[in-house]
Each structure stands twice: as structure tokens, then as C-alpha cells.
Full PDB file with SEQRES, HELIX, SHEET, SSBOND, CRYST1, ORIGX, SCALE, CONECT and MASTER records, all heavy atoms in Angstrom:
SEQRES   1 A   32  GLN ASN TRP LEU ALA ALA ASN ASP ARG PRO SER VAL PRO          
SEQRES   2 A   32  LEU GLY ALA PHE THR ARG THR LEU ARG ALA LEU GLY LEU          
SEQRES   3 A   32  ARG THR ALA ASN LYS HIS                                      
HELIX    1 AA1 ASN A    2  ALA A    6  1                                   5    
HELIX    2 AA2 LEU A   14  ALA A   23  1                                  10    
CRYST1    1.000    1.000    1.000  90.00  90.00  90.00 P 1           1          
ORIGX1      1.000000  0.000000  0.000000        0.00000                         
ORIGX2      0.000000  1.000000  0.000000        0.00000                         
ORIGX3      0.000000  0.000000  1.000000        0.00000                         
SCALE1      1.000000  0.000000  0.000000        0.00000                         
SCALE2      0.000000  1.000000  0.000000        0.00000                         
SCALE3      0.000000  0.000000  1.000000        0.00000                         
ATOM      1  N   GLN A   1     181.895  74.800 178.801  1.00  0.00           N  
ATOM      2  CA  GLN A   1     182.410  73.531 179.328  1.00  0.00           C  
ATOM      3  C   GLN A   1     181.446  72.943 180.366  1.00  0.00           C  
ATOM      4  O   GLN A   1     181.236  71.730 180.397  1.00  0.00           O  
ATOM      5  CB  GLN A   1     183.782  73.740 179.971  1.00  0.00           C  
ATOM      6  CG  GLN A   1     184.877  74.053 178.960  1.00  0.00           C  
ATOM      7  CD  GLN A   1     185.191  72.880 178.056  1.00  0.00           C  
ATOM      8  OE1 GLN A   1     184.523  72.652 177.062  1.00  0.00           O  
ATOM      9  NE2 GLN A   1     186.201  72.121 178.410  1.00  0.00           N  
ATOM     10  N   ASN A   2     180.859  73.772 181.192  1.00  0.00           N  
ATOM     11  CA  ASN A   2     179.887  73.290 182.178  1.00  0.00           C  
ATOM     12  C   ASN A   2     178.686  72.643 181.493  1.00  0.00           C  
ATOM     13  O   ASN A   2     178.196  71.597 181.923  1.00  0.00           O  
ATOM     14  CB  ASN A   2     179.422  74.422 183.093  1.00  0.00           C  
ATOM     15  CG  ASN A   2     180.499  74.858 184.064  1.00  0.00           C  
ATOM     16  OD1 ASN A   2     181.470  74.148 184.304  1.00  0.00           O  
ATOM     17  ND2 ASN A   2     180.341  76.057 184.602  1.00  0.00           N  
ATOM     18  N   TRP A   3     178.205  73.277 180.434  1.00  0.00           N  
ATOM     19  CA  TRP A   3     177.070  72.709 179.694  1.00  0.00           C  
ATOM     20  C   TRP A   3     177.468  71.383 179.055  1.00  0.00           C  
ATOM     21  O   TRP A   3     176.701  70.409 179.115  1.00  0.00           O  
ATOM     22  CB  TRP A   3     176.572  73.685 178.625  1.00  0.00           C  
ATOM     23  CG  TRP A   3     175.339  73.165 177.943  1.00  0.00           C  
ATOM     24  CD1 TRP A   3     174.044  73.366 178.345  1.00  0.00           C  
ATOM     25  CD2 TRP A   3     175.288  72.330 176.787  1.00  0.00           C  
ATOM     26  NE1 TRP A   3     173.202  72.711 177.480  1.00  0.00           N  
ATOM     27  CE2 TRP A   3     173.933  72.075 176.516  1.00  0.00           C  
ATOM     28  CE3 TRP A   3     176.251  71.794 175.946  1.00  0.00           C  
ATOM     29  CZ2 TRP A   3     173.511  71.284 175.448  1.00  0.00           C  
ATOM     30  CZ3 TRP A   3     175.834  71.007 174.866  1.00  0.00           C  
ATOM     31  CH2 TRP A   3     174.482  70.756 174.624  1.00  0.00           C  
ATOM     32  N   LEU A   4     178.643  71.326 178.457  1.00  0.00           N  
ATOM     33  CA  LEU A   4     179.108  70.088 177.827  1.00  0.00           C  
ATOM     34  C   LEU A   4     179.176  68.960 178.863  1.00  0.00           C  
ATOM     35  O   LEU A   4     178.696  67.849 178.613  1.00  0.00           O  
ATOM     36  CB  LEU A   4     180.476  70.293 177.169  1.00  0.00           C  
ATOM     37  CG  LEU A   4     180.501  71.221 175.952  1.00  0.00           C  
ATOM     38  CD1 LEU A   4     181.933  71.506 175.543  1.00  0.00           C  
ATOM     39  CD2 LEU A   4     179.715  70.622 174.794  1.00  0.00           C  
ATOM     40  N   ALA A   5     179.755  69.238 180.025  1.00  0.00           N  
ATOM     41  CA  ALA A   5     179.879  68.219 181.073  1.00  0.00           C  
ATOM     42  C   ALA A   5     178.500  67.757 181.567  1.00  0.00           C  
ATOM     43  O   ALA A   5     178.268  66.570 181.757  1.00  0.00           O  
ATOM     44  CB  ALA A   5     180.707  68.760 182.231  1.00  0.00           C  
ATOM     45  N   ALA A   6     177.585  68.699 181.769  1.00  0.00           N  
ATOM     46  CA  ALA A   6     176.254  68.370 182.255  1.00  0.00           C  
ATOM     47  C   ALA A   6     175.449  67.557 181.247  1.00  0.00           C  
ATOM     48  O   ALA A   6     174.504  66.869 181.622  1.00  0.00           O  
ATOM     49  CB  ALA A   6     175.500  69.642 182.614  1.00  0.00           C  
ATOM     50  N   ASN A   7     175.836  67.633 179.997  1.00  0.00           N  
ATOM     51  CA  ASN A   7     175.114  66.930 178.929  1.00  0.00           C  
ATOM     52  C   ASN A   7     175.912  65.778 178.342  1.00  0.00           C  
ATOM     53  O   ASN A   7     175.655  65.351 177.205  1.00  0.00           O  
ATOM     54  CB  ASN A   7     174.699  67.938 177.848  1.00  0.00           C  
ATOM     55  CG  ASN A   7     173.587  68.834 178.348  1.00  0.00           C  
ATOM     56  OD1 ASN A   7     172.429  68.451 178.329  1.00  0.00           O  
ATOM     57  ND2 ASN A   7     173.955  70.007 178.844  1.00  0.00           N  
ATOM     58  N   ASP A   8     176.880  65.291 179.122  1.00  0.00           N  
ATOM     59  CA  ASP A   8     177.690  64.135 178.723  1.00  0.00           C  
ATOM     60  C   ASP A   8     178.330  64.292 177.339  1.00  0.00           C  
ATOM     61  O   ASP A   8     178.362  63.356 176.555  1.00  0.00           O  
ATOM     62  CB  ASP A   8     176.859  62.849 178.772  1.00  0.00           C  
ATOM     63  CG  ASP A   8     176.403  62.524 180.177  1.00  0.00           C  
ATOM     64  OD1 ASP A   8     177.192  62.727 181.114  1.00  0.00           O  
ATOM     65  OD2 ASP A   8     175.253  62.075 180.338  1.00  0.00           O  
ATOM     66  N   ARG A   9     178.824  65.482 177.100  1.00  0.00           N  
ATOM     67  CA  ARG A   9     179.545  65.733 175.842  1.00  0.00           C  
ATOM     68  C   ARG A   9     181.019  65.966 176.169  1.00  0.00           C  
ATOM     69  O   ARG A   9     181.361  66.425 177.253  1.00  0.00           O  
ATOM     70  CB  ARG A   9     178.960  66.933 175.124  1.00  0.00           C  
ATOM     71  CG  ARG A   9     177.488  66.730 174.786  1.00  0.00           C  
ATOM     72  CD  ARG A   9     177.112  67.425 173.556  1.00  0.00           C  
ATOM     73  NE  ARG A   9     175.689  67.327 173.299  1.00  0.00           N  
ATOM     74  CZ  ARG A   9     175.132  67.853 172.240  1.00  0.00           C  
ATOM     75  NH1 ARG A   9     175.837  68.538 171.368  1.00  0.00           N  
ATOM     76  NH2 ARG A   9     173.843  67.732 172.052  1.00  0.00           N  
ATOM     77  N   PRO A  10     181.899  65.644 175.224  1.00  0.00           N  
ATOM     78  CA  PRO A  10     183.332  65.786 175.502  1.00  0.00           C  
ATOM     79  C   PRO A  10     183.767  67.245 175.660  1.00  0.00           C  
ATOM     80  O   PRO A  10     183.185  68.149 175.059  1.00  0.00           O  
ATOM     81  CB  PRO A  10     184.002  65.143 174.296  1.00  0.00           C  
ATOM     82  CG  PRO A  10     182.983  65.155 173.215  1.00  0.00           C  
ATOM     83  CD  PRO A  10     181.640  65.118 173.886  1.00  0.00           C  
ATOM     84  N   SER A  11     184.788  67.425 176.460  1.00  0.00           N  
ATOM     85  CA  SER A  11     185.398  68.731 176.654  1.00  0.00           C  
ATOM     86  C   SER A  11     185.998  69.226 175.334  1.00  0.00           C  
ATOM     87  O   SER A  11     186.357  68.434 174.469  1.00  0.00           O  
ATOM     88  CB  SER A  11     186.473  68.609 177.713  1.00  0.00           C  
ATOM     89  OG  SER A  11     187.120  69.842 177.907  1.00  0.00           O  
ATOM     90  N   VAL A  12     186.103  70.528 175.221  1.00  0.00           N  
ATOM     91  CA  VAL A  12     186.675  71.148 174.013  1.00  0.00           C  
ATOM     92  C   VAL A  12     187.934  71.905 174.425  1.00  0.00           C  
ATOM     93  O   VAL A  12     187.898  72.692 175.377  1.00  0.00           O  
ATOM     94  CB  VAL A  12     185.662  72.129 173.374  1.00  0.00           C  
ATOM     95  CG1 VAL A  12     186.269  72.887 172.237  1.00  0.00           C  
ATOM     96  CG2 VAL A  12     184.417  71.379 172.941  1.00  0.00           C  
ATOM     97  N   PRO A  13     189.041  71.706 173.714  1.00  0.00           N  
ATOM     98  CA  PRO A  13     190.248  72.486 174.015  1.00  0.00           C  
ATOM     99  C   PRO A  13     189.996  73.994 173.820  1.00  0.00           C  
ATOM    100  O   PRO A  13     189.239  74.389 172.918  1.00  0.00           O  
ATOM    101  CB  PRO A  13     191.280  71.976 173.021  1.00  0.00           C  
ATOM    102  CG  PRO A  13     190.759  70.655 172.545  1.00  0.00           C  
ATOM    103  CD  PRO A  13     189.262  70.750 172.639  1.00  0.00           C  
ATOM    104  N   LEU A  14     190.616  74.808 174.653  1.00  0.00           N  
ATOM    105  CA  LEU A  14     190.415  76.255 174.576  1.00  0.00           C  
ATOM    106  C   LEU A  14     190.770  76.814 173.190  1.00  0.00           C  
ATOM    107  O   LEU A  14     190.047  77.663 172.660  1.00  0.00           O  
ATOM    108  CB  LEU A  14     191.234  76.970 175.661  1.00  0.00           C  
ATOM    109  CG  LEU A  14     191.110  78.486 175.705  1.00  0.00           C  
ATOM    110  CD1 LEU A  14     189.663  78.940 175.865  1.00  0.00           C  
ATOM    111  CD2 LEU A  14     191.967  79.046 176.823  1.00  0.00           C  
ATOM    112  N   GLY A  15     191.862  76.350 172.603  1.00  0.00           N  
ATOM    113  CA  GLY A  15     192.242  76.838 171.274  1.00  0.00           C  
ATOM    114  C   GLY A  15     191.182  76.549 170.225  1.00  0.00           C  
ATOM    115  O   GLY A  15     190.832  77.406 169.411  1.00  0.00           O  
ATOM    116  N   ALA A  16     190.642  75.334 170.242  1.00  0.00           N  
ATOM    117  CA  ALA A  16     189.582  74.974 169.293  1.00  0.00           C  
ATOM    118  C   ALA A  16     188.346  75.830 169.532  1.00  0.00           C  
ATOM    119  O   ALA A  16     187.678  76.274 168.588  1.00  0.00           O  
ATOM    120  CB  ALA A  16     189.246  73.490 169.422  1.00  0.00           C  
ATOM    121  N   PHE A  17     188.035  76.092 170.804  1.00  0.00           N  
ATOM    122  CA  PHE A  17     186.890  76.916 171.151  1.00  0.00           C  
ATOM    123  C   PHE A  17     187.054  78.330 170.589  1.00  0.00           C  
ATOM    124  O   PHE A  17     186.156  78.861 169.942  1.00  0.00           O  
ATOM    125  CB  PHE A  17     186.733  76.957 172.677  1.00  0.00           C  
ATOM    126  CG  PHE A  17     185.593  77.794 173.148  1.00  0.00           C  
ATOM    127  CD1 PHE A  17     184.289  77.352 173.038  1.00  0.00           C  
ATOM    128  CD2 PHE A  17     185.822  79.055 173.720  1.00  0.00           C  
ATOM    129  CE1 PHE A  17     183.223  78.125 173.483  1.00  0.00           C  
ATOM    130  CE2 PHE A  17     184.782  79.828 174.176  1.00  0.00           C  
ATOM    131  CZ  PHE A  17     183.475  79.371 174.059  1.00  0.00           C  
ATOM    132  N   THR A  18     188.201  78.922 170.813  1.00  0.00           N  
ATOM    133  CA  THR A  18     188.459  80.289 170.363  1.00  0.00           C  
ATOM    134  C   THR A  18     188.446  80.376 168.834  1.00  0.00           C  
ATOM    135  O   THR A  18     187.844  81.295 168.258  1.00  0.00           O  
ATOM    136  CB  THR A  18     189.797  80.798 170.924  1.00  0.00           C  
ATOM    137  OG1 THR A  18     189.760  80.722 172.345  1.00  0.00           O  
ATOM    138  CG2 THR A  18     190.055  82.241 170.513  1.00  0.00           C  
ATOM    139  N   ARG A  19     189.091  79.425 168.168  1.00  0.00           N  
ATOM    140  CA  ARG A  19     189.090  79.435 166.695  1.00  0.00           C  
ATOM    141  C   ARG A  19     187.682  79.269 166.149  1.00  0.00           C  
ATOM    142  O   ARG A  19     187.291  79.897 165.161  1.00  0.00           O  
ATOM    143  CB  ARG A  19     190.015  78.352 166.153  1.00  0.00           C  
ATOM    144  CG  ARG A  19     191.490  78.673 166.329  1.00  0.00           C  
ATOM    145  CD  ARG A  19     192.377  77.657 165.637  1.00  0.00           C  
ATOM    146  NE  ARG A  19     192.261  76.311 166.203  1.00  0.00           N  
ATOM    147  CZ  ARG A  19     192.965  75.866 167.236  1.00  0.00           C  
ATOM    148  NH1 ARG A  19     193.832  76.665 167.852  1.00  0.00           N  
ATOM    149  NH2 ARG A  19     192.813  74.628 167.679  1.00  0.00           N  
ATOM    150  N   THR A  20     186.861  78.456 166.823  1.00  0.00           N  
ATOM    151  CA  THR A  20     185.490  78.243 166.375  1.00  0.00           C  
ATOM    152  C   THR A  20     184.663  79.511 166.564  1.00  0.00           C  
ATOM    153  O   THR A  20     183.851  79.861 165.696  1.00  0.00           O  
ATOM    154  CB  THR A  20     184.847  77.049 167.109  1.00  0.00           C  
ATOM    155  OG1 THR A  20     185.615  75.877 166.836  1.00  0.00           O  
ATOM    156  CG2 THR A  20     183.422  76.816 166.649  1.00  0.00           C  
ATOM    157  N   LEU A  21     184.848  80.211 167.690  1.00  0.00           N  
ATOM    158  CA  LEU A  21     184.137  81.481 167.868  1.00  0.00           C  
ATOM    159  C   LEU A  21     184.417  82.420 166.705  1.00  0.00           C  
ATOM    160  O   LEU A  21     183.512  83.035 166.144  1.00  0.00           O  
ATOM    161  CB  LEU A  21     184.571  82.174 169.167  1.00  0.00           C  
ATOM    162  CG  LEU A  21     184.127  81.573 170.491  1.00  0.00           C  
ATOM    163  CD1 LEU A  21     184.682  82.395 171.657  1.00  0.00           C  
ATOM    164  CD2 LEU A  21     182.615  81.483 170.577  1.00  0.00           C  
ATOM    165  N   ARG A  22     185.683  82.518 166.323  1.00  0.00           N  
ATOM    166  CA  ARG A  22     186.065  83.397 165.215  1.00  0.00           C  
ATOM    167  C   ARG A  22     185.489  82.899 163.899  1.00  0.00           C  
ATOM    168  O   ARG A  22     185.013  83.693 163.084  1.00  0.00           O  
ATOM    169  CB  ARG A  22     187.578  83.508 165.122  1.00  0.00           C  
ATOM    170  CG  ARG A  22     188.193  84.265 166.271  1.00  0.00           C  
ATOM    171  CD  ARG A  22     189.687  84.426 166.056  1.00  0.00           C  
ATOM    172  NE  ARG A  22     190.320  84.821 167.293  1.00  0.00           N  
ATOM    173  CZ  ARG A  22     191.411  84.268 167.791  1.00  0.00           C  
ATOM    174  NH1 ARG A  22     192.015  83.288 167.146  1.00  0.00           N  
ATOM    175  NH2 ARG A  22     191.922  84.680 168.920  1.00  0.00           N  
ATOM    176  N   ALA A  23     185.542  81.592 163.677  1.00  0.00           N  
ATOM    177  CA  ALA A  23     185.010  81.026 162.432  1.00  0.00           C  
ATOM    178  C   ALA A  23     183.499  81.244 162.329  1.00  0.00           C  
ATOM    179  O   ALA A  23     182.962  81.364 161.231  1.00  0.00           O  
ATOM    180  CB  ALA A  23     185.341  79.548 162.334  1.00  0.00           C  
ATOM    181  N   LEU A  24     182.823  81.319 163.490  1.00  0.00           N  
ATOM    182  CA  LEU A  24     181.391  81.592 163.507  1.00  0.00           C  
ATOM    183  C   LEU A  24     181.073  83.068 163.263  1.00  0.00           C  
ATOM    184  O   LEU A  24     179.926  83.458 163.159  1.00  0.00           O  
ATOM    185  CB  LEU A  24     180.790  81.165 164.849  1.00  0.00           C  
ATOM    186  CG  LEU A  24     180.721  79.661 165.090  1.00  0.00           C  
ATOM    187  CD1 LEU A  24     180.317  79.386 166.538  1.00  0.00           C  
ATOM    188  CD2 LEU A  24     179.761  79.004 164.117  1.00  0.00           C  
ATOM    189  N   GLY A  25     182.121  83.884 163.182  1.00  0.00           N  
ATOM    190  CA  GLY A  25     181.930  85.301 162.877  1.00  0.00           C  
ATOM    191  C   GLY A  25     181.949  86.212 164.080  1.00  0.00           C  
ATOM    192  O   GLY A  25     181.701  87.412 163.947  1.00  0.00           O  
ATOM    193  N   LEU A  26     182.233  85.649 165.263  1.00  0.00           N  
ATOM    194  CA  LEU A  26     182.334  86.501 166.452  1.00  0.00           C  
ATOM    195  C   LEU A  26     183.709  87.145 166.505  1.00  0.00           C  
ATOM    196  O   LEU A  26     184.709  86.517 166.200  1.00  0.00           O  
ATOM    197  CB  LEU A  26     182.088  85.674 167.719  1.00  0.00           C  
ATOM    198  CG  LEU A  26     180.667  85.145 167.834  1.00  0.00           C  
ATOM    199  CD1 LEU A  26     180.574  84.085 168.901  1.00  0.00           C  
ATOM    200  CD2 LEU A  26     179.699  86.266 168.115  1.00  0.00           C  
ATOM    201  N   ARG A  27     183.743  88.401 166.865  1.00  0.00           N  
ATOM    202  CA  ARG A  27     185.011  89.123 166.948  1.00  0.00           C  
ATOM    203  C   ARG A  27     185.619  88.908 168.320  1.00  0.00           C  
ATOM    204  O   ARG A  27     184.941  88.969 169.338  1.00  0.00           O  
ATOM    205  CB  ARG A  27     184.768  90.614 166.710  1.00  0.00           C  
ATOM    206  CG  ARG A  27     186.044  91.407 166.514  1.00  0.00           C  
ATOM    207  CD  ARG A  27     185.765  92.782 165.961  1.00  0.00           C  
ATOM    208  NE  ARG A  27     184.987  93.620 166.855  1.00  0.00           N  
ATOM    209  CZ  ARG A  27     185.504  94.365 167.837  1.00  0.00           C  
ATOM    210  NH1 ARG A  27     186.777  94.377 168.042  1.00  0.00           N  
ATOM    211  NH2 ARG A  27     184.722  95.111 168.570  1.00  0.00           N  
ATOM    212  N   THR A  28     186.911  88.618 168.324  1.00  0.00           N  
ATOM    213  CA  THR A  28     187.643  88.467 169.584  1.00  0.00           C  
ATOM    214  C   THR A  28     188.762  89.492 169.615  1.00  0.00           C  
ATOM    215  O   THR A  28     189.344  89.829 168.597  1.00  0.00           O  
ATOM    216  CB  THR A  28     188.212  87.052 169.746  1.00  0.00           C  
ATOM    217  OG1 THR A  28     189.109  86.780 168.681  1.00  0.00           O  
ATOM    218  CG2 THR A  28     187.113  85.994 169.765  1.00  0.00           C  
ATOM    219  N   ALA A  29     189.024  90.004 170.815  1.00  0.00           N  
ATOM    220  CA  ALA A  29     190.083  90.991 171.000  1.00  0.00           C  
ATOM    221  C   ALA A  29     190.513  91.007 172.451  1.00  0.00           C  
ATOM    222  O   ALA A  29     189.672  90.999 173.358  1.00  0.00           O  
ATOM    223  CB  ALA A  29     189.585  92.375 170.576  1.00  0.00           C  
ATOM    224  N   ASN A  30     191.823  91.023 172.674  1.00  0.00           N  
ATOM    225  CA  ASN A  30     192.354  91.145 174.040  1.00  0.00           C  
ATOM    226  C   ASN A  30     191.739  90.159 175.026  1.00  0.00           C  
ATOM    227  O   ASN A  30     191.296  90.536 176.107  1.00  0.00           O  
ATOM    228  CB  ASN A  30     192.177  92.570 174.560  1.00  0.00           C  
ATOM    229  CG  ASN A  30     192.875  93.584 173.708  1.00  0.00           C  
ATOM    230  OD1 ASN A  30     193.968  93.341 173.219  1.00  0.00           O  
ATOM    231  ND2 ASN A  30     192.228  94.720 173.493  1.00  0.00           N  
ATOM    232  N   LYS A  31     191.660  88.898 174.616  1.00  0.00           N  
ATOM    233  CA  LYS A  31     191.116  87.816 175.450  1.00  0.00           C  
ATOM    234  C   LYS A  31     189.635  87.998 175.755  1.00  0.00           C  
ATOM    235  O   LYS A  31     189.112  87.462 176.733  1.00  0.00           O  
ATOM    236  CB  LYS A  31     191.914  87.642 176.736  1.00  0.00           C  
ATOM    237  CG  LYS A  31     193.371  87.296 176.496  1.00  0.00           C  
ATOM    238  CD  LYS A  31     194.106  87.089 177.794  1.00  0.00           C  
ATOM    239  CE  LYS A  31     195.564  86.780 177.490  1.00  0.00           C  
ATOM    240  NZ  LYS A  31     196.349  86.582 178.685  1.00  0.00           N  
ATOM    241  N   HIS A  32     188.930  88.743 174.916  1.00  0.00           N  
ATOM    242  CA  HIS A  32     187.499  88.971 175.071  1.00  0.00           C  
ATOM    243  C   HIS A  32     186.796  88.595 173.769  1.00  0.00           C  
ATOM    244  O   HIS A  32     187.394  88.598 172.707  1.00  0.00           O  
ATOM    245  CB  HIS A  32     187.204  90.430 175.397  1.00  0.00           C  
ATOM    246  CG  HIS A  32     187.592  90.803 176.783  1.00  0.00           C  
ATOM    247  ND1 HIS A  32     188.910  91.019 177.162  1.00  0.00           N  
ATOM    248  CD2 HIS A  32     186.843  91.008 177.894  1.00  0.00           C  
ATOM    249  CE1 HIS A  32     188.949  91.342 178.436  1.00  0.00           C  
ATOM    250  NE2 HIS A  32     187.715  91.347 178.903  1.00  0.00           N  
TER     251      HIS A  32                                                      
MASTER        0    0    0    2    0    0    0    6  250    1    0    3          
END                                                                             
């Protein structure tokens, strides 16, 4: 979010961020 703000890009909702991490193939578990 800090990078997005510093580069004049829109904020991303947390849910969209988390789903995108998973869709990119990153494993998530226990809020990590």
C-alpha cells in the first residue's frame, strides 16, 4: 500500500490483495 500511494496508484482492498497472492501461487496460512 505504501508503494501504491507513493506512485499515485489506487489502494487495493485487503481481500483482493490476499486472493491475488494466492492466485499468483503464494501459499498463505494463519494470516501469513
